[in-house]
Amino acid sequence: MQTHRNNELADGLHHYLTGYGRNDPAKLDLLLNFDRWQDFARDELTRRAQEVIAQLDAPTLQAIANGEINVEGAVRRAREGLQRA
């Protein structure tokens, strides 16, 4: 099942990159020289999580920092609620 999902994701990336390089294929050549894609993806995930955290009020941040609120649990509950809707 995971392999099928990964294939779908890889296909989506392929289509994105095809569009990215359509007018200037040399742009794709530049991308071939990078060897830190995993690092970049982790950094982007961190940035996106920071965007969420930046929107929270100080008491919520303090509770998260103190381990009093489980963010992963809150995310799971939100996701489950959306799936039921």
N, C-alpha and C. Protein backbone atom coordinates (compact mmCIF):
# COMPACT_ATOMS: atom_id res chain seq x y z
N MET A 1 0.82 -1.19 0.00
CA MET A 1 0.00 0.00 0.00
C MET A 1 0.87 1.26 0.00
N GLN A 2 1.89 1.29 0.86
CA GLN A 2 2.78 2.44 0.94
C GLN A 2 3.51 2.65 -0.38
N THR A 3 3.92 1.55 -1.04
CA THR A 3 4.62 1.66 -2.31
C THR A 3 3.74 2.33 -3.35
N HIS A 4 2.46 1.97 -3.38
CA HIS A 4 1.51 2.60 -4.32
C HIS A 4 1.42 4.09 -4.05
N ARG A 5 1.32 4.48 -2.79
CA ARG A 5 1.24 5.90 -2.43
C ARG A 5 2.53 6.62 -2.82
N ASN A 6 3.66 5.99 -2.56
CA ASN A 6 4.94 6.61 -2.93
C ASN A 6 5.05 6.77 -4.44
N ASN A 7 4.55 5.80 -5.19
CA ASN A 7 4.56 5.92 -6.65
C ASN A 7 3.71 7.10 -7.10
N GLU A 8 2.55 7.27 -6.47
CA GLU A 8 1.69 8.41 -6.80
C GLU A 8 2.39 9.73 -6.48
N LEU A 9 3.05 9.78 -5.34
CA LEU A 9 3.76 11.00 -4.96
C LEU A 9 4.91 11.28 -5.93
N ALA A 10 5.64 10.23 -6.30
CA ALA A 10 6.75 10.40 -7.25
C ALA A 10 6.23 10.86 -8.60
N ASP A 11 5.08 10.33 -9.02
CA ASP A 11 4.48 10.78 -10.28
C ASP A 11 4.10 12.26 -10.21
N GLY A 12 3.55 12.68 -9.08
CA GLY A 12 3.20 14.08 -8.90
C GLY A 12 4.43 14.98 -8.95
N LEU A 13 5.52 14.54 -8.32
CA LEU A 13 6.76 15.29 -8.37
C LEU A 13 7.28 15.37 -9.80
N HIS A 14 7.21 14.26 -10.51
CA HIS A 14 7.64 14.23 -11.92
C HIS A 14 6.87 15.25 -12.75
N HIS A 15 5.56 15.29 -12.57
CA HIS A 15 4.73 16.24 -13.33
C HIS A 15 5.06 17.69 -12.95
N TYR A 16 5.28 17.92 -11.67
CA TYR A 16 5.65 19.26 -11.23
C TYR A 16 6.97 19.68 -11.88
N LEU A 17 7.96 18.80 -11.83
CA LEU A 17 9.27 19.13 -12.39
C LEU A 17 9.22 19.29 -13.91
N THR A 18 8.36 18.53 -14.56
CA THR A 18 8.19 18.67 -16.01
C THR A 18 7.71 20.09 -16.32
N GLY A 19 6.72 20.55 -15.56
CA GLY A 19 6.23 21.92 -15.75
C GLY A 19 7.29 22.94 -15.39
N TYR A 20 8.03 22.68 -14.33
CA TYR A 20 9.07 23.59 -13.88
C TYR A 20 10.13 23.81 -14.97
N GLY A 21 10.48 22.75 -15.66
CA GLY A 21 11.53 22.85 -16.66
C GLY A 21 11.05 23.02 -18.09
N ARG A 22 9.76 23.09 -18.28
CA ARG A 22 9.20 23.14 -19.63
C ARG A 22 9.79 24.27 -20.48
N ASN A 23 9.83 25.48 -19.97
CA ASN A 23 10.31 26.62 -20.74
C ASN A 23 11.83 26.78 -20.72
N ASP A 24 12.47 26.13 -19.76
CA ASP A 24 13.93 26.26 -19.65
C ASP A 24 14.49 24.96 -19.06
N PRO A 25 14.71 23.96 -19.90
CA PRO A 25 15.21 22.66 -19.41
C PRO A 25 16.52 22.76 -18.63
N ALA A 26 17.29 23.81 -18.84
CA ALA A 26 18.54 23.96 -18.10
C ALA A 26 18.28 24.11 -16.59
N LYS A 27 17.08 24.58 -16.22
CA LYS A 27 16.73 24.68 -14.80
C LYS A 27 16.75 23.30 -14.15
N LEU A 28 16.36 22.29 -14.91
CA LEU A 28 16.39 20.92 -14.37
C LEU A 28 17.82 20.43 -14.21
N ASP A 29 18.69 20.82 -15.13
CA ASP A 29 20.09 20.42 -15.02
C ASP A 29 20.70 20.92 -13.71
N LEU A 30 20.33 22.14 -13.32
CA LEU A 30 20.85 22.68 -12.06
C LEU A 30 20.41 21.84 -10.86
N LEU A 31 19.19 21.32 -10.93
CA LEU A 31 18.67 20.52 -9.81
C LEU A 31 19.39 19.19 -9.66
N LEU A 32 19.97 18.70 -10.74
CA LEU A 32 20.66 17.42 -10.68
C LEU A 32 21.91 17.46 -9.80
N ASN A 33 22.45 18.63 -9.57
CA ASN A 33 23.67 18.76 -8.80
C ASN A 33 23.46 18.77 -7.29
N PHE A 34 22.23 18.85 -6.85
CA PHE A 34 21.96 18.88 -5.41
C PHE A 34 21.94 17.47 -4.86
N ASP A 35 22.49 17.32 -3.66
CA ASP A 35 22.47 16.01 -3.01
C ASP A 35 21.85 16.10 -1.61
N ARG A 36 21.17 17.21 -1.36
CA ARG A 36 20.61 17.42 -0.02
C ARG A 36 19.09 17.53 -0.04
N TRP A 37 18.42 16.83 -0.94
CA TRP A 37 16.97 16.92 -1.04
C TRP A 37 16.28 16.53 0.26
N GLN A 38 16.77 15.47 0.92
CA GLN A 38 16.15 15.06 2.18
C GLN A 38 16.30 16.15 3.24
N ASP A 39 17.48 16.76 3.30
CA ASP A 39 17.68 17.86 4.26
C ASP A 39 16.73 19.01 3.96
N PHE A 40 16.60 19.37 2.68
CA PHE A 40 15.71 20.47 2.30
C PHE A 40 14.26 20.15 2.66
N ALA A 41 13.86 18.91 2.45
CA ALA A 41 12.48 18.52 2.77
C ALA A 41 12.24 18.60 4.28
N ARG A 42 13.21 18.14 5.08
CA ARG A 42 13.07 18.23 6.53
C ARG A 42 13.00 19.70 6.98
N ASP A 43 13.86 20.52 6.38
CA ASP A 43 13.84 21.95 6.72
C ASP A 43 12.49 22.58 6.39
N GLU A 44 11.91 22.20 5.27
CA GLU A 44 10.61 22.76 4.87
C GLU A 44 9.51 22.28 5.81
N LEU A 45 9.57 21.02 6.22
CA LEU A 45 8.58 20.53 7.19
C LEU A 45 8.69 21.30 8.51
N THR A 46 9.92 21.57 8.92
CA THR A 46 10.14 22.36 10.14
C THR A 46 9.57 23.76 9.97
N ARG A 47 9.82 24.37 8.83
CA ARG A 47 9.30 25.72 8.57
C ARG A 47 7.78 25.73 8.63
N ARG A 48 7.15 24.71 8.04
CA ARG A 48 5.68 24.66 8.05
C ARG A 48 5.13 24.46 9.46
N ALA A 49 5.80 23.65 10.26
CA ALA A 49 5.38 23.47 11.65
C ALA A 49 5.55 24.78 12.41
N GLN A 50 6.63 25.51 12.12
CA GLN A 50 6.84 26.80 12.77
C GLN A 50 5.77 27.81 12.39
N GLU A 51 5.26 27.72 11.17
CA GLU A 51 4.16 28.61 10.77
C GLU A 51 2.94 28.38 11.65
N VAL A 52 2.66 27.12 11.95
CA VAL A 52 1.51 26.80 12.80
C VAL A 52 1.77 27.31 14.21
N ILE A 53 2.93 27.01 14.75
CA ILE A 53 3.27 27.43 16.11
C ILE A 53 3.22 28.94 16.25
N ALA A 54 3.65 29.65 15.22
CA ALA A 54 3.69 31.12 15.28
C ALA A 54 2.30 31.72 15.44
N GLN A 55 1.27 30.99 15.10
CA GLN A 55 -0.09 31.51 15.19
C GLN A 55 -0.73 31.30 16.56
N LEU A 56 -0.07 30.55 17.42
CA LEU A 56 -0.66 30.22 18.72
C LEU A 56 -0.38 31.31 19.74
N ASP A 57 -1.29 31.42 20.71
CA ASP A 57 -1.11 32.42 21.76
C ASP A 57 -0.07 31.93 22.78
N ALA A 58 0.40 32.85 23.60
CA ALA A 58 1.47 32.55 24.56
C ALA A 58 1.09 31.44 25.55
N PRO A 59 -0.13 31.44 26.13
CA PRO A 59 -0.45 30.36 27.07
C PRO A 59 -0.41 28.97 26.41
N THR A 60 -0.87 28.89 25.15
CA THR A 60 -0.84 27.60 24.45
C THR A 60 0.60 27.19 24.19
N LEU A 61 1.43 28.14 23.77
CA LEU A 61 2.85 27.85 23.54
C LEU A 61 3.51 27.36 24.82
N GLN A 62 3.20 28.02 25.92
CA GLN A 62 3.80 27.63 27.20
C GLN A 62 3.37 26.21 27.58
N ALA A 63 2.11 25.90 27.39
CA ALA A 63 1.62 24.56 27.71
C ALA A 63 2.30 23.50 26.82
N ILE A 64 2.50 23.82 25.56
CA ILE A 64 3.20 22.89 24.66
C ILE A 64 4.64 22.73 25.12
N ALA A 65 5.30 23.85 25.41
CA ALA A 65 6.70 23.81 25.84
C ALA A 65 6.87 23.01 27.13
N ASN A 66 5.87 23.07 28.01
CA ASN A 66 5.92 22.33 29.28
C ASN A 66 5.50 20.87 29.14
N GLY A 67 5.09 20.49 27.94
CA GLY A 67 4.64 19.11 27.72
C GLY A 67 3.24 18.85 28.23
N GLU A 68 2.48 19.91 28.47
CA GLU A 68 1.13 19.77 29.00
C GLU A 68 0.10 19.56 27.90
N ILE A 69 0.43 19.92 26.68
CA ILE A 69 -0.44 19.70 25.53
C ILE A 69 0.32 18.83 24.54
N ASN A 70 -0.32 17.79 24.09
CA ASN A 70 0.26 16.89 23.10
C ASN A 70 -0.20 17.36 21.72
N VAL A 71 0.69 18.00 20.98
CA VAL A 71 0.33 18.55 19.68
C VAL A 71 -0.05 17.43 18.71
N GLU A 72 0.70 16.34 18.73
CA GLU A 72 0.39 15.24 17.81
C GLU A 72 -1.03 14.72 18.05
N GLY A 73 -1.40 14.62 19.31
CA GLY A 73 -2.75 14.17 19.64
C GLY A 73 -3.81 15.14 19.13
N ALA A 74 -3.54 16.44 19.26
CA ALA A 74 -4.48 17.45 18.77
C ALA A 74 -4.59 17.39 17.25
N VAL A 75 -3.47 17.16 16.58
CA VAL A 75 -3.49 17.03 15.12
C VAL A 75 -4.31 15.81 14.72
N ARG A 76 -4.09 14.69 15.41
CA ARG A 76 -4.86 13.47 15.09
C ARG A 76 -6.36 13.70 15.26
N ARG A 77 -6.74 14.35 16.36
CA ARG A 77 -8.16 14.61 16.60
C ARG A 77 -8.73 15.51 15.52
N ALA A 78 -7.98 16.53 15.12
CA ALA A 78 -8.46 17.43 14.06
C ALA A 78 -8.61 16.68 12.75
N ARG A 79 -7.65 15.83 12.45
CA ARG A 79 -7.71 15.06 11.20
C ARG A 79 -8.91 14.09 11.21
N GLU A 80 -9.11 13.41 12.33
CA GLU A 80 -10.24 12.50 12.44
C GLU A 80 -11.56 13.24 12.28
N GLY A 81 -11.66 14.43 12.87
CA GLY A 81 -12.87 15.21 12.75
C GLY A 81 -13.13 15.60 11.29
N LEU A 82 -12.10 15.93 10.57
CA LEU A 82 -12.26 16.29 9.15
C LEU A 82 -12.65 15.07 8.31
N GLN A 83 -12.12 13.93 8.66
CA GLN A 83 -12.44 12.72 7.91
C GLN A 83 -13.90 12.31 8.11
N ARG A 84 -14.44 12.60 9.30
CA ARG A 84 -15.84 12.26 9.58
C ARG A 84 -16.80 13.25 8.92
N ALA A 85 -16.34 14.44 8.70
CA ALA A 85 -17.21 15.49 8.17
C ALA A 85 -17.55 15.27 6.70
